[in-house]
Amino acid sequence: MALTSLDRAKQQYLEQQVASASPERLLTLLYDRLLVDIDRAASAQDAEDWVAAGTHLTHAQWIVSELNGSLTDAWDGSDELRGVYVYLTGRLITANVSRDRGATAECRELVAPLRDAWHAAAELSVADTARSASAVG
């Protein structure tokens, strides 16, 4: 499928946004997209469009793999979050292979509060950085 000039412009814009994003913003972008993939997979499962569901669930697995790979052992919570990511990956695979709508719903229930927590943490980080910069300046 050939990209139109509008599609190319959208792709370039997205690439620029990602390339210039802070680590906090990248993390929240990943969580946002993870939730989008899970929601799209659920809709596709409801419509019995197994190819589309598989595409979204596979992309969701890739995002979870990226999130897992970004964890550092320097953070005390990394082991617990790594365990969540491993469990989530297993449920995404089950949702895909078994066409299990319940597993997809469970994934959403796991991801939504994590996404919200990371957004809140990112907002605090940005606010702390702004306060520090104004105190120095």
Protein backbone atom coordinates (compact mmCIF):
# COMPACT_ATOMS: atom_id res chain seq x y z
CA MET A 1 0.00 0.00 0.00
CA ALA A 2 1.52 3.31 -1.10
CA LEU A 3 1.60 6.19 1.32
CA THR A 4 -0.11 9.39 0.30
CA SER A 5 1.60 12.71 0.91
CA LEU A 6 -0.70 13.24 3.91
CA ASP A 7 0.24 9.83 5.32
CA ARG A 8 3.94 10.63 4.84
CA ALA A 9 3.50 13.99 6.57
CA LYS A 10 1.72 12.34 9.51
CA GLN A 11 4.49 9.73 9.76
CA GLN A 12 7.21 12.41 9.69
CA TYR A 13 5.39 14.43 12.35
CA LEU A 14 5.09 11.37 14.58
CA GLU A 15 8.76 10.51 14.11
CA GLN A 16 9.76 14.08 15.04
CA GLN A 17 7.54 13.98 18.13
CA VAL A 18 9.11 10.73 19.30
CA ALA A 19 12.67 11.83 18.48
CA SER A 20 12.31 15.03 20.50
CA ALA A 21 10.32 13.58 23.41
CA SER A 22 11.66 13.41 26.95
CA PRO A 23 12.04 9.98 28.55
CA GLU A 24 8.89 10.65 30.58
CA ARG A 25 6.95 11.54 27.45
CA LEU A 26 8.22 8.47 25.60
CA LEU A 27 7.06 6.25 28.43
CA THR A 28 3.58 7.79 28.47
CA LEU A 29 3.38 7.57 24.67
CA LEU A 30 4.15 3.85 24.89
CA TYR A 31 1.49 3.31 27.53
CA ASP A 32 -1.04 5.33 25.54
CA ARG A 33 -0.38 3.25 22.43
CA LEU A 34 -0.48 0.01 24.44
CA LEU A 35 -3.96 0.87 25.63
CA VAL A 36 -5.01 1.81 22.09
CA ASP A 37 -3.76 -1.55 20.80
CA ILE A 38 -5.62 -3.45 23.52
CA ASP A 39 -8.84 -1.51 22.84
CA ARG A 40 -8.54 -2.04 19.10
CA ALA A 41 -7.87 -5.74 19.64
CA ALA A 42 -10.98 -6.00 21.81
CA SER A 43 -13.10 -4.30 19.14
CA ALA A 44 -11.66 -6.59 16.47
CA GLN A 45 -12.35 -9.65 18.64
CA ASP A 46 -15.93 -8.48 19.13
CA ALA A 47 -16.24 -8.25 15.34
CA GLU A 48 -14.52 -11.63 14.98
CA ASP A 49 -11.81 -9.98 12.88
CA TRP A 50 -9.06 -12.27 14.11
CA VAL A 51 -6.40 -10.93 11.76
CA ALA A 52 -6.83 -7.37 13.03
CA ALA A 53 -7.04 -8.57 16.63
CA GLY A 54 -3.82 -10.51 16.15
CA THR A 55 -2.07 -7.50 14.66
CA HIS A 56 -3.01 -5.27 17.60
CA LEU A 57 -2.23 -7.90 20.23
CA THR A 58 1.16 -8.61 18.64
CA HIS A 59 1.97 -4.90 18.60
CA ALA A 60 0.90 -4.69 22.25
CA GLN A 61 3.33 -7.52 23.05
CA TRP A 62 6.11 -5.59 21.32
CA ILE A 63 5.33 -2.50 23.42
CA VAL A 64 5.37 -4.52 26.64
CA SER A 65 8.72 -5.98 25.57
CA GLU A 66 10.07 -2.44 25.05
CA LEU A 67 8.74 -1.35 28.44
CA ASN A 68 10.28 -4.40 30.08
CA GLY A 69 13.60 -3.75 28.36
CA SER A 70 13.62 -0.17 29.62
CA LEU A 71 13.54 -1.21 33.27
CA THR A 72 16.69 -0.67 35.25
CA ASP A 73 17.74 -2.61 38.32
CA ALA A 74 18.67 0.70 39.94
CA TRP A 75 14.96 1.25 40.62
CA ASP A 76 13.55 -0.64 43.61
CA GLY A 77 10.24 -1.39 41.87
CA SER A 78 11.75 -2.89 38.73
CA ASP A 79 11.42 -6.54 39.81
CA GLU A 80 7.73 -6.17 40.61
CA LEU A 81 6.98 -4.27 37.40
CA ARG A 82 8.99 -6.81 35.39
CA GLY A 83 6.74 -9.51 36.87
CA VAL A 84 3.66 -7.56 35.74
CA TYR A 85 5.12 -7.24 32.23
CA VAL A 86 5.85 -10.97 32.04
CA TYR A 87 2.32 -11.80 33.18
CA LEU A 88 0.83 -9.24 30.78
CA THR A 89 2.79 -10.71 27.87
CA GLY A 90 1.41 -14.15 28.68
CA ARG A 91 -2.14 -12.85 28.78
CA LEU A 92 -1.68 -10.98 25.48
CA ILE A 93 -0.45 -14.20 23.90
CA THR A 94 -3.43 -16.10 25.33
CA ALA A 95 -5.81 -13.40 24.09
CA ASN A 96 -4.35 -13.78 20.62
CA VAL A 97 -3.84 -17.52 20.30
CA SER A 98 -7.05 -18.54 22.06
CA ARG A 99 -9.10 -15.61 20.75
CA ASP A 100 -9.89 -14.96 24.39
CA ARG A 101 -11.83 -11.71 24.84
CA GLY A 102 -11.66 -12.13 28.63
CA ALA A 103 -7.85 -12.15 28.52
CA THR A 104 -7.92 -8.98 26.43
CA ALA A 105 -10.22 -7.32 28.98
CA GLU A 106 -7.90 -8.43 31.78
CA CYS A 107 -4.97 -6.82 29.95
CA ARG A 108 -6.88 -3.55 29.78
CA GLU A 109 -7.64 -3.75 33.50
CA LEU A 110 -3.91 -4.18 34.19
CA VAL A 111 -2.67 -1.50 31.81
CA ALA A 112 -5.14 1.35 32.42
CA PRO A 113 -4.11 2.07 36.04
CA LEU A 114 -0.41 1.70 35.16
CA ARG A 115 -0.86 4.17 32.32
CA ASP A 116 -2.60 6.62 34.63
CA ALA A 117 0.12 6.25 37.28
CA TRP A 118 2.91 6.86 34.76
CA HIS A 119 1.11 9.92 33.41
CA ALA A 120 0.80 11.29 36.96
CA ALA A 121 4.48 10.56 37.66
CA ALA A 122 5.51 12.26 34.41
CA GLU A 123 3.49 15.35 35.31
CA LEU A 124 5.18 15.49 38.72
CA SER A 125 8.59 15.11 37.12
CA VAL A 126 7.91 17.95 34.68
CA ALA A 127 6.63 20.14 37.51
CA ASP A 128 9.71 19.36 39.67
CA THR A 129 12.01 20.16 36.75
CA ALA A 130 10.22 23.47 36.15
CA ARG A 131 10.46 24.39 39.86
CA SER A 132 14.17 23.54 39.92
CA ALA A 133 14.82 25.57 36.79
CA SER A 134 13.00 28.60 38.17
CA ALA A 135 14.86 28.33 41.49
CA VAL A 136 18.21 28.33 39.67
CA GLY A 137 17.28 31.11 37.24
